């Protein structure tokens, strides 16, 4: 309104000044007066446009108040609020961990529209490398899936079910044999060598078998000398130190099944093939030359 008033005042001034220009003796006075009026009108219009632009913020379009325009009050543009994501199923605002009411709260809200059931590929729901079925968060919410490393199957003893470790004695055999993954022979063909002394045939007592009591063979009239299967030396006493086995004792028996390896029926082509996978070739006896 103020701009229009200013323009009218300018035009009125020129209208009252018209007679003065008409009375002049200059033949071009009328033409000059018209030009001056045109220029004044144009300047007033430009000024009105400039003043209008100066009343509005170029950035946010806000019309300045009287205090902002004339009294130095600083104008600050209002921050535009970002559009909030809305669930494509229930229409509610999507918040972290919010379950969707449209799916009976069995899945999370999502701004993405679901694919039609007929065209949805189940391949996208399962990891092609490990076969893991993706969770909702892994499939739709950007949670990264990492394949679990497959653990190697550990060997298990067929008798006691414990993990087989080197030198581990089996509880199912009374700790007289090592754990093994091989199936045992049928009970009808099993031997009881572990229950009797292979040298004198004495049946071990409970203390001798399980509690560390030392067994000493009784001297028999037909007693014969035995020779160690590891070093070949004659066995003249119990727990005789073996030169071929550091820290071990001389013996004629297999340490796993207890068979007498000086008996040829327990050898195949001079080698003992134990049911517990042990392979032993007895050393030839070192008999004294007569």
Protein backbone atom coordinates (compact mmCIF):
# COMPACT_ATOMS: atom_id res chain seq x y z
CA UNK A 1 0.00 0.00 0.00
CA UNK A 2 2.88 2.33 0.82
CA UNK A 3 4.46 1.62 -2.59
CA UNK A 4 1.25 2.57 -4.42
CA UNK A 5 0.96 5.82 -2.45
CA UNK A 6 4.52 6.78 -3.37
CA UNK A 7 3.85 6.15 -7.06
CA UNK A 8 0.68 8.32 -6.95
CA UNK A 9 2.56 11.22 -5.31
CA UNK A 10 5.15 11.18 -8.08
CA UNK A 11 2.49 11.21 -10.78
CA UNK A 12 0.58 14.02 -9.05
CA UNK A 13 3.70 16.19 -8.91
CA UNK A 14 4.21 15.85 -12.62
CA UNK A 15 0.56 16.60 -13.36
CA UNK A 16 0.76 19.96 -11.47
CA UNK A 17 3.97 20.79 -13.17
CA UNK A 18 2.45 20.29 -16.64
CA UNK A 19 1.17 23.91 -17.11
CA UNK A 20 4.57 25.30 -16.35
CA UNK A 21 6.11 23.20 -19.12
CA UNK A 22 3.22 24.19 -21.44
CA UNK A 23 3.88 27.97 -21.00
CA UNK A 24 7.57 27.76 -21.86
CA UNK A 25 8.71 29.15 -25.15
CA UNK A 26 10.82 26.00 -25.88
CA UNK A 27 9.20 24.16 -28.83
CA UNK A 28 10.52 20.84 -27.44
CA UNK A 29 9.32 21.42 -23.89
CA UNK A 30 6.29 19.16 -24.26
CA UNK A 31 8.39 16.31 -25.67
CA UNK A 32 10.97 16.64 -22.88
CA UNK A 33 8.24 16.69 -20.29
CA UNK A 34 6.80 13.39 -21.60
CA UNK A 35 10.24 11.78 -21.43
CA UNK A 36 10.77 12.98 -17.87
CA UNK A 37 7.37 11.61 -16.83
CA UNK A 38 8.16 8.24 -18.41
CA UNK A 39 11.57 8.04 -16.69
CA UNK A 40 10.08 9.01 -13.32
CA UNK A 41 7.39 6.36 -13.62
CA UNK A 42 9.98 3.73 -14.51
CA UNK A 43 12.21 4.71 -11.55
CA UNK A 44 9.21 4.54 -9.18
CA UNK A 45 8.27 1.09 -10.48
CA UNK A 46 11.82 -0.22 -10.07
CA UNK A 47 11.99 1.21 -6.56
CA UNK A 48 8.66 -0.43 -5.66
CA UNK A 49 9.94 -3.83 -6.90
CA UNK A 50 13.19 -3.43 -4.93
CA UNK A 51 11.32 -2.52 -1.77
CA UNK A 52 9.03 -5.53 -2.22
CA UNK A 53 12.01 -7.89 -2.59
CA UNK A 54 13.58 -6.34 0.47
CA UNK A 55 10.44 -7.29 2.47
CA UNK A 56 10.74 -11.06 1.80
CA UNK A 57 13.50 -13.55 2.71
CA UNK A 58 14.99 -14.93 -0.53
CA UNK A 59 15.87 -18.22 1.19
CA UNK A 60 12.64 -19.28 2.92
CA UNK A 61 10.04 -16.79 1.52
CA UNK A 62 9.22 -15.38 4.97
CA UNK A 63 7.69 -11.85 4.93
CA UNK A 64 9.72 -9.67 7.28
CA UNK A 65 7.98 -8.14 10.27
CA UNK A 66 8.24 -4.39 11.07
CA UNK A 67 10.89 -5.12 13.68
CA UNK A 68 12.88 -7.35 11.29
CA UNK A 69 12.68 -4.83 8.43
CA UNK A 70 13.26 -1.52 10.25
CA UNK A 71 14.35 -2.12 13.86
CA UNK A 72 17.30 -4.49 13.38
CA UNK A 73 15.66 -7.68 14.66
CA UNK A 74 17.53 -10.62 13.05
CA UNK A 75 15.47 -13.05 10.98
CA UNK A 76 16.31 -16.77 11.16
CA UNK A 77 14.85 -19.22 8.66
CA UNK A 78 12.82 -22.05 10.19
CA UNK A 79 14.43 -25.47 9.68
CA UNK A 80 12.43 -27.72 7.41
CA UNK A 81 11.52 -31.01 9.12
CA UNK A 82 12.65 -34.13 7.31
CA UNK A 83 9.90 -36.43 6.15
CA UNK A 84 9.57 -39.37 8.56
CA UNK A 85 9.42 -42.91 7.10
CA UNK A 86 6.00 -44.56 7.28
CA UNK A 87 5.30 -48.30 7.37
CA UNK A 88 3.98 -49.56 4.02
CA UNK A 89 1.68 -52.04 5.79
CA UNK A 90 0.16 -50.29 8.84
CA UNK A 91 0.86 -46.61 7.99
CA UNK A 92 2.50 -45.86 11.34
CA UNK A 93 5.81 -44.02 11.68
CA UNK A 94 8.71 -46.48 11.42
CA UNK A 95 10.75 -46.56 14.64
CA UNK A 96 13.66 -48.80 15.57
CA UNK A 97 12.48 -52.24 16.72
CA UNK A 98 8.77 -51.41 16.17
CA UNK A 99 6.68 -54.49 15.36
CA UNK A 100 3.93 -54.07 12.78
CA UNK A 101 0.28 -54.28 13.88
CA UNK A 102 -0.77 -55.28 10.35
CA UNK A 103 1.15 -58.58 10.70
CA UNK A 104 -0.06 -59.26 14.26
CA UNK A 105 3.30 -57.97 15.52
CA UNK A 106 5.21 -60.94 14.04
CA UNK A 107 7.46 -58.72 11.86
CA UNK A 108 8.94 -55.22 12.11
CA UNK A 109 7.51 -52.16 10.41
CA UNK A 110 9.14 -51.35 7.07
CA UNK A 111 8.84 -48.51 4.59
CA UNK A 112 9.47 -50.96 1.74
CA UNK A 113 6.55 -52.59 0.04
CA UNK A 114 6.60 -56.39 0.01
CA UNK A 115 6.84 -58.28 -3.27
CA UNK A 116 3.81 -60.31 -4.35
CA UNK A 117 3.93 -63.82 -2.88
CA UNK A 118 3.80 -65.39 -6.36
CA UNK A 119 6.99 -63.65 -7.54
CA UNK A 120 8.98 -63.73 -4.28
CA UNK A 121 12.13 -65.87 -4.56
CA UNK A 122 13.06 -68.01 -1.59
CA UNK A 123 16.69 -67.95 -2.73
CA UNK A 124 16.95 -64.43 -1.29
CA UNK A 125 15.90 -65.77 2.13
CA UNK A 126 18.73 -68.29 2.49
CA UNK A 127 22.52 -67.84 2.43
CA UNK A 128 23.83 -69.67 -0.65
CA UNK A 129 27.11 -70.44 1.12
CA UNK A 130 26.05 -71.93 4.47
CA UNK A 131 22.27 -72.44 4.04
CA UNK A 132 21.40 -70.12 6.95
CA UNK A 133 17.84 -68.71 6.75
CA UNK A 134 18.07 -64.93 7.01
CA UNK A 135 16.33 -63.21 9.91
CA UNK A 136 13.99 -60.24 9.38
CA UNK A 137 16.77 -57.83 10.37
CA UNK A 138 19.30 -59.50 8.04
CA UNK A 139 16.87 -59.55 5.10
CA UNK A 140 15.22 -56.14 5.38
CA UNK A 141 17.04 -53.92 7.89
CA UNK A 142 20.65 -54.11 6.75
CA UNK A 143 22.02 -56.41 9.48
CA UNK A 144 25.08 -58.20 8.07
CA UNK A 145 25.04 -62.01 8.03
CA UNK A 146 28.25 -63.88 8.74
CA UNK A 147 28.51 -67.59 8.02
CA UNK A 148 29.32 -69.71 11.06
CA UNK A 149 32.48 -71.76 10.68
CA UNK A 150 31.71 -75.45 10.49
CA UNK A 151 33.49 -77.39 13.21
CA UNK A 152 35.36 -80.50 12.18
CA UNK A 153 33.89 -83.71 13.57
CA UNK A 154 36.06 -85.05 16.38
CA UNK A 155 36.75 -88.81 16.64
CA UNK A 156 34.73 -90.52 19.37
CA UNK A 157 35.49 -93.80 21.12
CA UNK A 158 33.10 -96.59 20.11
CA UNK A 159 33.12 -98.01 23.64
CA UNK A 160 32.89 -95.09 26.08
CA UNK A 161 31.75 -92.28 23.72
CA UNK A 162 34.50 -89.88 24.83
CA UNK A 163 36.63 -87.88 22.40
CA UNK A 164 39.65 -89.93 21.31
CA UNK A 165 42.93 -88.32 22.36
CA UNK A 166 46.47 -89.77 22.01
CA UNK A 167 47.26 -92.24 24.81
CA UNK A 168 43.79 -91.96 26.37
CA UNK A 169 42.75 -95.14 28.21
CA UNK A 170 39.14 -96.20 27.86
CA UNK A 171 36.90 -96.18 30.93
CA UNK A 172 34.64 -98.81 29.34
CA UNK A 173 37.52 -101.31 29.33
CA UNK A 174 38.53 -100.61 32.92
CA UNK A 175 41.35 -98.38 31.61
CA UNK A 176 43.23 -101.49 30.39
CA UNK A 177 42.98 -100.49 26.71
CA UNK A 178 43.12 -97.25 24.72
CA UNK A 179 40.08 -95.48 23.32
CA UNK A 180 39.44 -96.30 19.66
CA UNK A 181 37.08 -95.37 16.84
CA UNK A 182 37.16 -98.93 15.44
CA UNK A 183 34.40 -101.37 16.17
CA UNK A 184 35.42 -104.28 18.38
CA UNK A 185 35.31 -107.89 17.33
CA UNK A 186 32.25 -109.93 18.35
CA UNK A 187 32.21 -111.05 21.98
CA UNK A 188 32.55 -114.71 20.95
CA UNK A 189 36.02 -114.09 19.49
CA UNK A 190 37.27 -111.67 22.14
CA UNK A 191 40.19 -112.77 24.32
CA UNK A 192 40.76 -112.30 27.98
CA UNK A 193 44.54 -111.79 27.83
CA UNK A 194 44.21 -108.51 29.73
CA UNK A 195 42.83 -110.42 32.71
CA UNK A 196 45.67 -112.96 32.95
CA UNK A 197 49.46 -112.87 32.91
CA UNK A 198 50.62 -113.91 29.45
CA UNK A 199 53.79 -115.38 30.95
CA UNK A 200 52.45 -117.62 33.73
CA UNK A 201 48.69 -117.60 33.08
CA UNK A 202 47.90 -116.14 36.50
CA UNK A 203 44.50 -114.41 36.62
CA UNK A 204 45.00 -110.88 37.89
CA UNK A 205 43.31 -109.88 41.10
CA UNK A 206 41.26 -106.66 41.39
CA UNK A 207 44.18 -104.93 43.11
CA UNK A 208 46.66 -106.15 40.46
CA UNK A 209 44.38 -105.12 37.60
CA UNK A 210 43.02 -101.79 38.82
CA UNK A 211 44.89 -100.60 41.92
CA UNK A 212 48.53 -100.93 40.90
CA UNK A 213 49.43 -104.02 42.95
CA UNK A 214 52.52 -105.68 41.47
CA UNK A 215 52.18 -109.22 40.12
CA UNK A 216 55.12 -111.60 40.35
CA UNK A 217 55.06 -114.86 38.42
CA UNK A 218 55.48 -118.06 40.47
CA UNK A 219 58.46 -120.17 39.31
CA UNK A 220 57.20 -123.18 37.38
CA UNK A 221 59.14 -126.34 36.81
CA UNK A 222 58.83 -125.99 33.04
CA UNK A 223 59.42 -122.20 33.15
CA UNK A 224 61.04 -120.95 29.91
CA UNK A 225 62.81 -117.69 29.19
CA UNK A 226 60.85 -114.98 27.38
CA UNK A 227 62.43 -112.39 25.08
CA UNK A 228 61.31 -108.75 24.76
CA UNK A 229 59.46 -107.95 21.52
CA UNK A 230 61.06 -104.48 21.39
CA UNK A 231 64.77 -105.12 22.19
CA UNK A 232 65.01 -108.93 21.93
CA UNK A 233 66.67 -109.25 25.34
CA UNK A 234 65.79 -112.07 27.75
CA UNK A 235 63.27 -111.03 30.40
CA UNK A 236 64.74 -112.08 33.73
CA UNK A 237 62.64 -109.91 36.04
CA UNK A 238 59.41 -108.00 36.21
CA UNK A 239 59.42 -104.39 34.94
CA UNK A 240 62.82 -104.91 33.34
CA UNK A 241 63.96 -101.66 31.69
CA UNK A 242 63.85 -101.89 27.88
CA UNK A 243 66.73 -100.40 25.92
CA UNK A 244 64.52 -99.88 22.83
CA UNK A 245 61.72 -98.04 24.65
CA UNK A 246 62.96 -95.11 26.78
CA UNK A 247 61.19 -95.29 30.13
CA UNK A 248 59.39 -98.50 29.13
CA UNK A 249 59.65 -102.08 30.34
CA UNK A 250 60.47 -105.25 28.42
CA UNK A 251 57.43 -107.32 27.47
CA UNK A 252 56.20 -110.06 25.17
CA UNK A 253 52.62 -108.73 25.06
CA UNK A 254 50.88 -106.16 22.81
CA UNK A 255 50.32 -103.03 24.93
CA UNK A 256 46.76 -102.65 23.56
CA UNK A 257 45.18 -106.11 23.28
CA UNK A 258 47.59 -108.08 25.53
CA UNK A 259 48.29 -110.91 23.08
CA UNK A 260 51.60 -112.80 23.38
CA UNK A 261 53.56 -111.75 20.33
CA UNK A 262 56.05 -114.60 20.74
CA UNK A 263 53.19 -116.90 19.84
CA UNK A 264 53.20 -117.20 16.06
CA UNK A 265 49.43 -117.62 15.92
CA UNK A 266 49.15 -113.92 16.85
CA UNK A 267 51.34 -112.83 13.92
CA UNK A 268 50.66 -112.44 10.21
CA UNK A 269 53.82 -112.69 8.12
CA UNK A 270 55.86 -111.88 11.22
CA UNK A 271 53.72 -108.80 12.09
CA UNK A 272 51.07 -108.32 14.75
CA UNK A 273 48.02 -106.48 13.46
CA UNK A 274 46.12 -105.44 16.53
CA UNK A 275 42.36 -104.87 16.44
CA UNK A 276 43.15 -101.45 17.93
CA UNK A 277 45.14 -100.56 14.77
CA UNK A 278 48.55 -101.10 16.41
CA UNK A 279 51.21 -102.65 14.16
CA UNK A 280 54.18 -104.40 15.84
CA UNK A 281 56.93 -106.56 14.34
CA UNK A 282 58.64 -108.40 17.25
CA UNK A 283 62.46 -108.16 17.34
CA UNK A 284 64.24 -111.52 17.05
CA UNK A 285 65.30 -112.97 20.45
CA UNK A 286 68.93 -112.35 21.41
CA UNK A 287 69.73 -115.81 22.74
CA UNK A 288 73.13 -116.55 24.21
CA UNK A 289 75.36 -118.66 21.92
CA UNK A 290 76.21 -122.05 23.55
